[in-house]
Amino acid sequence: LAARAKELNCSIALYGHTHQAREEIIDGVTVI
């Protein structure tokens, strides 16, 4: 997900699916 966001020049990636709140930085992308 972070790699796809970076490919699209996005600094933030949002996702659900796991039902678990989470925030982390992966390869410069804030994943929430």
All heavy atoms as atom14 arrays in JSON, in Angstrom:
{
  "sequence": "LAARAKELNCSIALYGHTHQAREEIIDGVTVI",
  "atom14_mask": [
    [1, 1, 1, 1, 1, 1, 1, 1, 0, 0, 0, 0, 0, 0],
    [1, 1, 1, 1, 1, 0, 0, 0, 0, 0, 0, 0, 0, 0],
    [1, 1, 1, 1, 1, 0, 0, 0, 0, 0, 0, 0, 0, 0],
    [1, 1, 1, 1, 1, 1, 1, 1, 1, 1, 1, 0, 0, 0],
    [1, 1, 1, 1, 1, 0, 0, 0, 0, 0, 0, 0, 0, 0],
    [1, 1, 1, 1, 1, 1, 1, 1, 1, 0, 0, 0, 0, 0],
    [1, 1, 1, 1, 1, 1, 1, 1, 1, 0, 0, 0, 0, 0],
    [1, 1, 1, 1, 1, 1, 1, 1, 0, 0, 0, 0, 0, 0],
    [1, 1, 1, 1, 1, 1, 1, 1, 0, 0, 0, 0, 0, 0],
    [1, 1, 1, 1, 1, 1, 0, 0, 0, 0, 0, 0, 0, 0],
    [1, 1, 1, 1, 1, 1, 0, 0, 0, 0, 0, 0, 0, 0],
    [1, 1, 1, 1, 1, 1, 1, 1, 0, 0, 0, 0, 0, 0],
    [1, 1, 1, 1, 1, 0, 0, 0, 0, 0, 0, 0, 0, 0],
    [1, 1, 1, 1, 1, 1, 1, 1, 0, 0, 0, 0, 0, 0],
    [1, 1, 1, 1, 1, 1, 1, 1, 1, 1, 1, 1, 0, 0],
    [1, 1, 1, 1, 0, 0, 0, 0, 0, 0, 0, 0, 0, 0],
    [1, 1, 1, 1, 1, 1, 1, 1, 1, 1, 0, 0, 0, 0],
    [1, 1, 1, 1, 1, 1, 1, 0, 0, 0, 0, 0, 0, 0],
    [1, 1, 1, 1, 1, 1, 1, 1, 1, 1, 0, 0, 0, 0],
    [1, 1, 1, 1, 1, 1, 1, 1, 1, 0, 0, 0, 0, 0],
    [1, 1, 1, 1, 1, 0, 0, 0, 0, 0, 0, 0, 0, 0],
    [1, 1, 1, 1, 1, 1, 1, 1, 1, 1, 1, 0, 0, 0],
    [1, 1, 1, 1, 1, 1, 1, 1, 1, 0, 0, 0, 0, 0],
    [1, 1, 1, 1, 1, 1, 1, 1, 1, 0, 0, 0, 0, 0],
    [1, 1, 1, 1, 1, 1, 1, 1, 0, 0, 0, 0, 0, 0],
    [1, 1, 1, 1, 1, 1, 1, 1, 0, 0, 0, 0, 0, 0],
    [1, 1, 1, 1, 1, 1, 1, 1, 0, 0, 0, 0, 0, 0],
    [1, 1, 1, 1, 0, 0, 0, 0, 0, 0, 0, 0, 0, 0],
    [1, 1, 1, 1, 1, 1, 1, 0, 0, 0, 0, 0, 0, 0],
    [1, 1, 1, 1, 1, 1, 1, 0, 0, 0, 0, 0, 0, 0],
    [1, 1, 1, 1, 1, 1, 1, 0, 0, 0, 0, 0, 0, 0],
    [1, 1, 1, 1, 1, 1, 1, 1, 0, 0, 0, 0, 0, 0]
  ],
  "atom14_positions": [
    [[0.83, -1.2, 0.0], [0.0, 0.0, 0.0], [0.87, 1.26, 0.0], [0.63, 2.18, -0.77], [-0.92, -0.02, 1.23], [-1.74, 1.23, 1.48], [-2.82, 1.39, 0.43], [-2.35, 1.17, 2.86], [0.0, 0.0, 0.0], [0.0, 0.0, 0.0], [0.0, 0.0, 0.0], [0.0, 0.0, 0.0], [0.0, 0.0, 0.0], [0.0, 0.0, 0.0]],
    [[1.89, 1.28, 0.84], [2.8, 2.43, 0.91], [3.52, 2.62, -0.42], [3.69, 3.75, -0.9], [3.79, 2.26, 2.05], [0.0, 0.0, 0.0], [0.0, 0.0, 0.0], [0.0, 0.0, 0.0], [0.0, 0.0, 0.0], [0.0, 0.0, 0.0], [0.0, 0.0, 0.0], [0.0, 0.0, 0.0], [0.0, 0.0, 0.0], [0.0, 0.0, 0.0]],
    [[3.93, 1.52, -1.04], [4.62, 1.59, -2.33], [3.71, 2.18, -3.41], [4.14, 3.01, -4.23], [5.12, 0.21, -2.75], [0.0, 0.0, 0.0], [0.0, 0.0, 0.0], [0.0, 0.0, 0.0], [0.0, 0.0, 0.0], [0.0, 0.0, 0.0], [0.0, 0.0, 0.0], [0.0, 0.0, 0.0], [0.0, 0.0, 0.0], [0.0, 0.0, 0.0]],
    [[2.43, 1.77, -3.41], [1.47, 2.32, -4.38], [1.25, 3.81, -4.14], [1.2, 4.6, -5.08], [0.15, 1.56, -4.3], [-0.93, 2.11, -5.21], [-0.6, 1.91, -6.67], [-1.74, 2.33, -7.49], [-1.62, 2.96, -8.65], [-0.43, 3.21, -9.17], [-2.69, 3.31, -9.32], [0.0, 0.0, 0.0], [0.0, 0.0, 0.0], [0.0, 0.0, 0.0]],
    [[1.14, 4.22, -2.88], [0.97, 5.64, -2.57], [2.17, 6.44, -3.06], [2.02, 7.52, -3.66], [0.78, 5.83, -1.06], [0.0, 0.0, 0.0], [0.0, 0.0, 0.0], [0.0, 0.0, 0.0], [0.0, 0.0, 0.0], [0.0, 0.0, 0.0], [0.0, 0.0, 0.0], [0.0, 0.0, 0.0], [0.0, 0.0, 0.0], [0.0, 0.0, 0.0]],
    [[3.35, 5.92, -2.81], [4.58, 6.61, -3.25], [4.62, 6.72, -4.77], [5.0, 7.75, -5.32], [5.79, 5.86, -2.7], [7.06, 6.64, -2.8], [8.15, 6.01, -1.97], [9.31, 6.96, -1.9], [10.28, 6.56, -0.91], [0.0, 0.0, 0.0], [0.0, 0.0, 0.0], [0.0, 0.0, 0.0], [0.0, 0.0, 0.0], [0.0, 0.0, 0.0]],
    [[4.22, 5.66, -5.45], [4.14, 5.65, -6.92], [3.23, 6.76, -7.43], [3.47, 7.34, -8.49], [3.61, 4.27, -7.33], [3.57, 3.97, -8.78], [3.02, 2.55, -8.98], [3.75, 1.58, -8.72], [1.85, 2.43, -9.37], [0.0, 0.0, 0.0], [0.0, 0.0, 0.0], [0.0, 0.0, 0.0], [0.0, 0.0, 0.0], [0.0, 0.0, 0.0]],
    [[2.18, 7.06, -6.67], [1.21, 8.11, -7.04], [1.59, 9.48, -6.47], [0.79, 10.41, -6.53], [-0.18, 7.71, -6.55], [-0.78, 6.46, -7.2], [-2.03, 6.01, -6.45], [-1.09, 6.72, -8.67], [0.0, 0.0, 0.0], [0.0, 0.0, 0.0], [0.0, 0.0, 0.0], [0.0, 0.0, 0.0], [0.0, 0.0, 0.0], [0.0, 0.0, 0.0]],
    [[2.79, 9.59, -5.9], [3.28, 10.83, -5.29], [2.41, 11.3, -4.13], [2.23, 12.5, -3.91], [3.43, 11.95, -6.34], [4.47, 11.61, -7.37], [5.57, 11.18, -7.03], [4.11, 11.76, -8.64], [0.0, 0.0, 0.0], [0.0, 0.0, 0.0], [0.0, 0.0, 0.0], [0.0, 0.0, 0.0], [0.0, 0.0, 0.0], [0.0, 0.0, 0.0]],
    [[1.88, 10.35, -3.37], [1.07, 10.65, -2.19], [1.93, 10.48, -0.94], [2.69, 9.52, -0.83], [-0.14, 9.73, -2.12], [-1.3, 9.95, -3.48], [0.0, 0.0, 0.0], [0.0, 0.0, 0.0], [0.0, 0.0, 0.0], [0.0, 0.0, 0.0], [0.0, 0.0, 0.0], [0.0, 0.0, 0.0], [0.0, 0.0, 0.0], [0.0, 0.0, 0.0]],
    [[1.77, 11.39, 0.0], [2.54, 11.29, 1.25], [1.75, 10.58, 2.35], [2.31, 10.24, 3.39], [2.96, 12.68, 1.73], [1.82, 13.5, 1.93], [0.0, 0.0, 0.0], [0.0, 0.0, 0.0], [0.0, 0.0, 0.0], [0.0, 0.0, 0.0], [0.0, 0.0, 0.0], [0.0, 0.0, 0.0], [0.0, 0.0, 0.0], [0.0, 0.0, 0.0]],
    [[0.45, 10.35, 2.1], [-0.41, 9.65, 3.06], [-1.16, 8.55, 2.32], [-1.63, 8.76, 1.19], [-1.41, 10.62, 3.73], [-0.68, 11.67, 4.56], [-2.43, 9.86, 4.59], [-1.57, 12.73, 5.16], [0.0, 0.0, 0.0], [0.0, 0.0, 0.0], [0.0, 0.0, 0.0], [0.0, 0.0, 0.0], [0.0, 0.0, 0.0], [0.0, 0.0, 0.0]],
    [[-1.28, 7.38, 2.97], [-2.09, 6.28, 2.44], [-3.11, 5.9, 3.5], [-2.76, 5.69, 4.66], [-1.21, 5.08, 2.1], [0.0, 0.0, 0.0], [0.0, 0.0, 0.0], [0.0, 0.0, 0.0], [0.0, 0.0, 0.0], [0.0, 0.0, 0.0], [0.0, 0.0, 0.0], [0.0, 0.0, 0.0], [0.0, 0.0, 0.0], [0.0, 0.0, 0.0]],
    [[-4.37, 5.84, 3.12], [-5.47, 5.46, 4.01], [-5.99, 4.09, 3.61], [-6.17, 3.81, 2.42], [-6.61, 6.47, 3.9], [-6.3, 7.93, 4.14], [-7.54, 8.78, 3.87], [-5.78, 8.15, 5.55], [0.0, 0.0, 0.0], [0.0, 0.0, 0.0], [0.0, 0.0, 0.0], [0.0, 0.0, 0.0], [0.0, 0.0, 0.0], [0.0, 0.0, 0.0]],
    [[-6.29, 3.27, 4.62], [-6.86, 1.96, 4.35], [-7.7, 1.5, 5.54], [-7.59, 2.03, 6.64], [-5.77, 0.92, 4.05], [-4.95, 0.48, 5.25], [-5.18, -0.75, 5.86], [-3.94, 1.29, 5.76], [-4.43, -1.17, 6.94], [-3.18, 0.88, 6.85], [-3.43, -0.35, 7.43], [-2.69, -0.75, 8.52], [0.0, 0.0, 0.0], [0.0, 0.0, 0.0]],
    [[-8.55, 0.52, 5.31], [-9.36, -0.11, 6.35], [-9.07, -1.59, 6.36], [-7.93, -2.01, 6.46], [0.0, 0.0, 0.0], [0.0, 0.0, 0.0], [0.0, 0.0, 0.0], [0.0, 0.0, 0.0], [0.0, 0.0, 0.0], [0.0, 0.0, 0.0], [0.0, 0.0, 0.0], [0.0, 0.0, 0.0], [0.0, 0.0, 0.0], [0.0, 0.0, 0.0]],
    [[-10.11, -2.4, 6.27], [-10.07, -3.84, 6.08], [-9.66, -4.63, 7.33], [-10.26, -5.65, 7.63], [-9.17, -4.2, 4.9], [-9.22, -5.64, 4.48], [-10.4, -6.29, 4.18], [-8.23, -6.55, 4.3], [-10.13, -7.54, 3.82], [-8.83, -7.73, 3.89], [0.0, 0.0, 0.0], [0.0, 0.0, 0.0], [0.0, 0.0, 0.0], [0.0, 0.0, 0.0]],
    [[-8.67, -4.2, 8.1], [-8.18, -4.98, 9.23], [-8.97, -4.74, 10.52], [-8.82, -5.48, 11.48], [-6.71, -4.68, 9.54], [-6.59, -3.34, 10.02], [-5.84, -4.88, 8.3], [0.0, 0.0, 0.0], [0.0, 0.0, 0.0], [0.0, 0.0, 0.0], [0.0, 0.0, 0.0], [0.0, 0.0, 0.0], [0.0, 0.0, 0.0], [0.0, 0.0, 0.0]],
    [[-9.77, -3.66, 10.54], [-10.56, -3.25, 11.7], [-9.69, -2.77, 12.86], [-10.2, -2.55, 13.95], [-11.5, -4.37, 12.19], [-12.61, -4.67, 11.26], [-13.86, -5.07, 11.69], [-12.71, -4.64, 9.91], [-14.65, -5.28, 10.67], [-13.97, -5.02, 9.57], [0.0, 0.0, 0.0], [0.0, 0.0, 0.0], [0.0, 0.0, 0.0], [0.0, 0.0, 0.0]],
    [[-8.4, -2.59, 12.64], [-7.48, -2.16, 13.69], [-6.93, -0.78, 13.38], [-6.3, -0.58, 12.34], [-6.3, -3.15, 13.79], [-6.72, -4.57, 14.12], [-7.37, -4.68, 15.48], [-6.88, -4.15, 16.46], [-8.49, -5.38, 15.55], [0.0, 0.0, 0.0], [0.0, 0.0, 0.0], [0.0, 0.0, 0.0], [0.0, 0.0, 0.0], [0.0, 0.0, 0.0]],
    [[-7.16, 0.17, 14.28], [-6.6, 1.51, 14.11], [-5.08, 1.42, 14.19], [-4.53, 0.73, 15.05], [-7.14, 2.45, 15.19], [0.0, 0.0, 0.0], [0.0, 0.0, 0.0], [0.0, 0.0, 0.0], [0.0, 0.0, 0.0], [0.0, 0.0, 0.0], [0.0, 0.0, 0.0], [0.0, 0.0, 0.0], [0.0, 0.0, 0.0], [0.0, 0.0, 0.0]],
    [[-4.43, 2.12, 13.27], [-2.98, 2.03, 13.2], [-2.44, 3.22, 12.41], [-3.08, 3.65, 11.44], [-2.62, 0.72, 12.5], [-1.18, 0.39, 12.43], [-1.01, -1.02, 11.86], [0.39, -1.35, 11.77], [0.85, -2.49, 11.36], [0.01, -3.44, 11.01], [2.13, -2.73, 11.29], [0.0, 0.0, 0.0], [0.0, 0.0, 0.0], [0.0, 0.0, 0.0]],
    [[-1.29, 3.71, 12.81], [-0.59, 4.75, 12.06], [0.9, 4.43, 12.11], [1.45, 4.16, 13.18], [-0.85, 6.13, 12.63], [-0.15, 7.24, 11.86], [-0.4, 8.63, 12.43], [-1.33, 8.8, 13.23], [0.35, 9.54, 12.05], [0.0, 0.0, 0.0], [0.0, 0.0, 0.0], [0.0, 0.0, 0.0], [0.0, 0.0, 0.0], [0.0, 0.0, 0.0]],
    [[1.54, 4.46, 10.94], [2.97, 4.21, 10.88], [3.55, 4.88, 9.63], [2.8, 5.27, 8.73], [3.27, 2.71, 10.86], [2.67, 1.97, 9.67], [2.78, 0.46, 9.82], [3.91, -0.05, 9.96], [1.73, -0.19, 9.8], [0.0, 0.0, 0.0], [0.0, 0.0, 0.0], [0.0, 0.0, 0.0], [0.0, 0.0, 0.0], [0.0, 0.0, 0.0]],
    [[4.84, 5.03, 9.6], [5.52, 5.59, 8.43], [6.32, 4.47, 7.78], [7.11, 3.8, 8.43], [6.43, 6.77, 8.82], [5.58, 7.89, 9.42], [7.22, 7.26, 7.6], [6.36, 9.05, 9.97], [0.0, 0.0, 0.0], [0.0, 0.0, 0.0], [0.0, 0.0, 0.0], [0.0, 0.0, 0.0], [0.0, 0.0, 0.0], [0.0, 0.0, 0.0]],
    [[6.05, 4.28, 6.47], [6.74, 3.26, 5.69], [7.34, 3.95, 4.48], [6.61, 4.49, 3.64], [5.78, 2.13, 5.25], [5.15, 1.46, 6.47], [6.51, 1.12, 4.38], [4.06, 0.46, 6.12], [0.0, 0.0, 0.0], [0.0, 0.0, 0.0], [0.0, 0.0, 0.0], [0.0, 0.0, 0.0], [0.0, 0.0, 0.0], [0.0, 0.0, 0.0]],
    [[8.65, 3.94, 4.39], [9.37, 4.51, 3.25], [8.91, 5.95, 2.96], [8.69, 6.31, 1.81], [9.22, 3.61, 2.02], [10.26, 3.9, 0.95], [11.3, 4.52, 1.26], [10.02, 3.53, -0.22], [0.0, 0.0, 0.0], [0.0, 0.0, 0.0], [0.0, 0.0, 0.0], [0.0, 0.0, 0.0], [0.0, 0.0, 0.0], [0.0, 0.0, 0.0]],
    [[8.72, 6.73, 4.01], [8.35, 8.13, 3.87], [6.87, 8.4, 3.71], [6.45, 9.55, 3.63], [0.0, 0.0, 0.0], [0.0, 0.0, 0.0], [0.0, 0.0, 0.0], [0.0, 0.0, 0.0], [0.0, 0.0, 0.0], [0.0, 0.0, 0.0], [0.0, 0.0, 0.0], [0.0, 0.0, 0.0], [0.0, 0.0, 0.0], [0.0, 0.0, 0.0]],
    [[6.06, 7.35, 3.66], [4.6, 7.5, 3.51], [3.94, 7.24, 4.86], [4.19, 6.22, 5.49], [4.04, 6.51, 2.46], [2.52, 6.6, 2.36], [4.68, 6.76, 1.09], [0.0, 0.0, 0.0], [0.0, 0.0, 0.0], [0.0, 0.0, 0.0], [0.0, 0.0, 0.0], [0.0, 0.0, 0.0], [0.0, 0.0, 0.0], [0.0, 0.0, 0.0]],
    [[3.1, 8.18, 5.29], [2.32, 7.97, 6.5], [1.12, 7.1, 6.15], [0.3, 7.47, 5.32], [1.86, 9.31, 7.1], [3.01, 10.11, 7.39], [1.06, 9.1, 8.38], [0.0, 0.0, 0.0], [0.0, 0.0, 0.0], [0.0, 0.0, 0.0], [0.0, 0.0, 0.0], [0.0, 0.0, 0.0], [0.0, 0.0, 0.0], [0.0, 0.0, 0.0]],
    [[1.05, 5.94, 6.77], [0.02, 4.94, 6.47], [-0.94, 4.91, 7.67], [-0.52, 4.69, 8.79], [0.66, 3.56, 6.23], [-0.41, 2.52, 5.93], [1.67, 3.63, 5.09], [0.0, 0.0, 0.0], [0.0, 0.0, 0.0], [0.0, 0.0, 0.0], [0.0, 0.0, 0.0], [0.0, 0.0, 0.0], [0.0, 0.0, 0.0], [0.0, 0.0, 0.0]],
    [[-2.24, 5.13, 7.38], [-3.23, 5.29, 8.45], [-4.41, 4.36, 8.22], [-4.99, 4.33, 7.13], [-3.74, 6.74, 8.51], [-2.6, 7.71, 8.77], [-4.84, 6.89, 9.56], [-2.97, 9.17, 8.58], [0.0, 0.0, 0.0], [0.0, 0.0, 0.0], [0.0, 0.0, 0.0], [0.0, 0.0, 0.0], [0.0, 0.0, 0.0], [0.0, 0.0, 0.0]]
  ]
}
